[in-house]
Structure formats: C-alpha cells, structure tokens
Amino acid sequence: MPFTRTHAAVEPARSEIDALAGPAVLEFGTAWCGHCIAAQPLLEDALRGHEQVRHIKVEDGKGRPLGRSFRVKLWPTLVFLRDGAEVDRLVRPSGRDEIERALARLDPAAD
C-alpha cells in the first residue's frame, strides 16, 4: 500500500488496529504541525519499495482515543506494527535511514 497523503477522516478503533494482519505504520500527527510536514518526504521515500506495508495516517489531538491508547505525546509519532503488535516506534524522525531501519524490523525474518 502506498504512502497516504491525508489524515483519515475518522480514526480507526484500537480494536481495528490490534486486529490488523501484516505490517503497518500508524502515523500520528496533524496537517498543520511543522515537524509532521517535515517528516512527510522522509516517510514517503522510505515507504517506497515497501508496498506490503499499510500506512495509516491518523490526525491526533486532545480527546482522540487512539493516540491516547498509544500514549502519543509528540508529533509525528510513527508506530510500526506487525499483526497489530507494536514492533518499533519513532518520534519526530529526522532521517530516512531511521525509518528504513524500523521498516526492516517489520519483516518477520528480522526476529
């Protein structure tokens, strides 16, 4: 699945995220956050070639239950999931390489 450019209009329920099959990156942030905007080209570039990884972009903020369930404090926060379980997490990634390393951990052969 390719890079997702826009935040989901409705955030998924935690139970939906926990039930995901396969690899996924759950991105928490907002469209107006400077750190989030700066991370977009890094994430888009890193996801290229990882079509099997689902990218779910969720707008976060006060009172948003999904972000609170993942204890998100800063944006963007990238949660790397395999079969609904957290494998890795990056907060305010500053480089494509660190995103690539986290994506590599989604591969079951990396265990």
Protein backbone atom coordinates (compact mmCIF):
# COMPACT_ATOMS: atom_id res chain seq x y z
CA MET A 1 0.00 0.00 0.00
CA PRO A 2 1.48 3.37 -0.93
CA PHE A 3 2.17 6.41 1.20
CA THR A 4 -1.03 8.03 2.48
CA ARG A 5 -1.07 11.80 1.94
CA THR A 6 -4.07 12.78 4.05
CA HIS A 7 -5.21 12.01 7.57
CA ALA A 8 -8.14 9.65 7.99
CA ALA A 9 -11.44 11.50 8.35
CA VAL A 10 -12.41 9.10 11.13
CA GLU A 11 -9.78 7.42 13.27
CA PRO A 12 -9.95 3.64 13.47
CA ALA A 13 -10.82 2.00 16.76
CA ARG A 14 -7.98 0.46 18.75
CA SER A 15 -9.58 -2.96 18.26
CA GLU A 16 -9.28 -2.48 14.46
CA ILE A 17 -5.59 -1.64 14.79
CA ASP A 18 -4.95 -4.58 17.12
CA ALA A 19 -6.64 -6.90 14.58
CA LEU A 20 -4.53 -5.77 11.59
CA ALA A 21 -2.84 -8.55 9.66
CA GLY A 22 0.64 -7.97 8.31
CA PRO A 23 2.93 -4.95 8.53
CA ALA A 24 1.64 -1.41 9.08
CA VAL A 25 2.88 2.04 10.02
CA LEU A 26 0.49 4.06 12.14
CA GLU A 27 1.34 7.76 11.87
CA PHE A 28 0.01 10.22 14.45
CA GLY A 29 0.15 13.96 13.74
CA THR A 30 -1.70 16.85 12.17
CA ALA A 31 -1.72 18.60 8.80
CA TRP A 32 -0.50 21.86 10.36
CA CYS A 33 2.34 20.51 12.53
CA GLY A 34 5.74 21.68 11.26
CA HIS A 35 7.51 18.52 12.42
CA CYS A 36 4.86 16.40 10.69
CA ILE A 37 5.20 18.36 7.45
CA ALA A 38 8.99 18.00 7.54
CA ALA A 39 8.74 14.23 8.05
CA GLN A 40 6.42 13.60 5.08
CA PRO A 41 9.06 13.38 2.32
CA LEU A 42 11.24 11.16 4.54
CA LEU A 43 8.37 8.79 5.20
CA GLU A 44 7.17 8.78 1.61
CA ASP A 45 10.68 7.99 0.37
CA ALA A 46 11.22 5.26 2.98
CA LEU A 47 7.89 3.58 2.21
CA ARG A 48 8.72 3.41 -1.49
CA GLY A 49 9.50 -0.23 -2.19
CA HIS A 50 7.53 -1.44 0.84
CA GLU A 51 4.15 -1.85 -0.88
CA GLN A 52 3.16 -4.60 1.55
CA VAL A 53 3.26 -2.12 4.47
CA ARG A 54 -0.05 -0.42 5.19
CA HIS A 55 0.34 3.30 6.05
CA ILE A 56 -2.41 4.65 8.29
CA LYS A 57 -2.26 8.39 8.92
CA VAL A 58 -4.33 9.49 11.92
CA GLU A 59 -4.97 13.07 13.00
CA ASP A 60 -4.16 13.27 16.67
CA GLY A 61 -5.08 15.74 19.37
CA LYS A 62 -6.73 16.22 22.71
CA GLY A 63 -9.52 13.75 23.31
CA ARG A 64 -8.51 11.43 20.47
CA PRO A 65 -8.72 7.93 21.96
CA LEU A 66 -6.43 6.10 19.53
CA GLY A 67 -3.49 8.43 20.17
CA ARG A 68 -4.06 8.23 23.91
CA SER A 69 -4.16 4.42 23.77
CA PHE A 70 -0.68 4.51 22.19
CA ARG A 71 0.48 7.18 24.67
CA VAL A 72 1.39 9.63 21.91
CA LYS A 73 2.93 12.81 23.31
CA LEU A 74 4.75 14.41 20.35
CA TRP A 75 4.08 14.57 16.62
CA PRO A 76 4.75 12.91 14.40
CA THR A 77 4.86 9.58 16.14
CA LEU A 78 5.26 6.55 13.90
CA VAL A 79 4.20 3.22 15.37
CA PHE A 80 5.45 0.22 13.40
CA LEU A 81 3.10 -2.76 13.75
CA ARG A 82 3.24 -6.39 12.74
CA ASP A 83 -0.09 -8.20 13.03
CA GLY A 84 -1.40 -5.44 15.28
CA ALA A 85 1.52 -5.61 17.74
CA GLU A 86 3.99 -2.76 18.15
CA VAL A 87 7.45 -3.66 16.87
CA ASP A 88 9.07 -0.23 16.93
CA ARG A 89 8.29 3.46 17.40
CA LEU A 90 9.86 6.66 16.14
CA VAL A 91 9.07 10.11 17.49
CA ARG A 92 9.93 13.04 15.24
CA PRO A 93 12.14 11.07 12.86
CA SER A 94 14.92 13.18 11.41
CA GLY A 95 16.16 10.91 8.66
CA ARG A 96 15.07 8.36 6.10
CA ASP A 97 17.62 5.84 7.46
CA GLU A 98 15.98 5.54 10.86
CA ILE A 99 12.60 4.98 9.20
CA GLU A 100 14.17 2.33 6.93
CA ARG A 101 15.65 0.53 9.96
CA ALA A 102 12.23 0.46 11.66
CA LEU A 103 10.60 -0.79 8.46
CA ALA A 104 13.19 -3.58 8.28
CA ARG A 105 12.12 -4.71 11.77
CA LEU A 106 8.62 -5.36 10.41
CA ASP A 107 10.00 -8.29 8.43
CA PRO A 108 9.37 -11.49 10.46
CA ALA A 109 12.75 -12.80 9.28
CA ALA A 110 14.39 -9.92 11.22
CA ASP A 111 13.49 -11.59 14.54
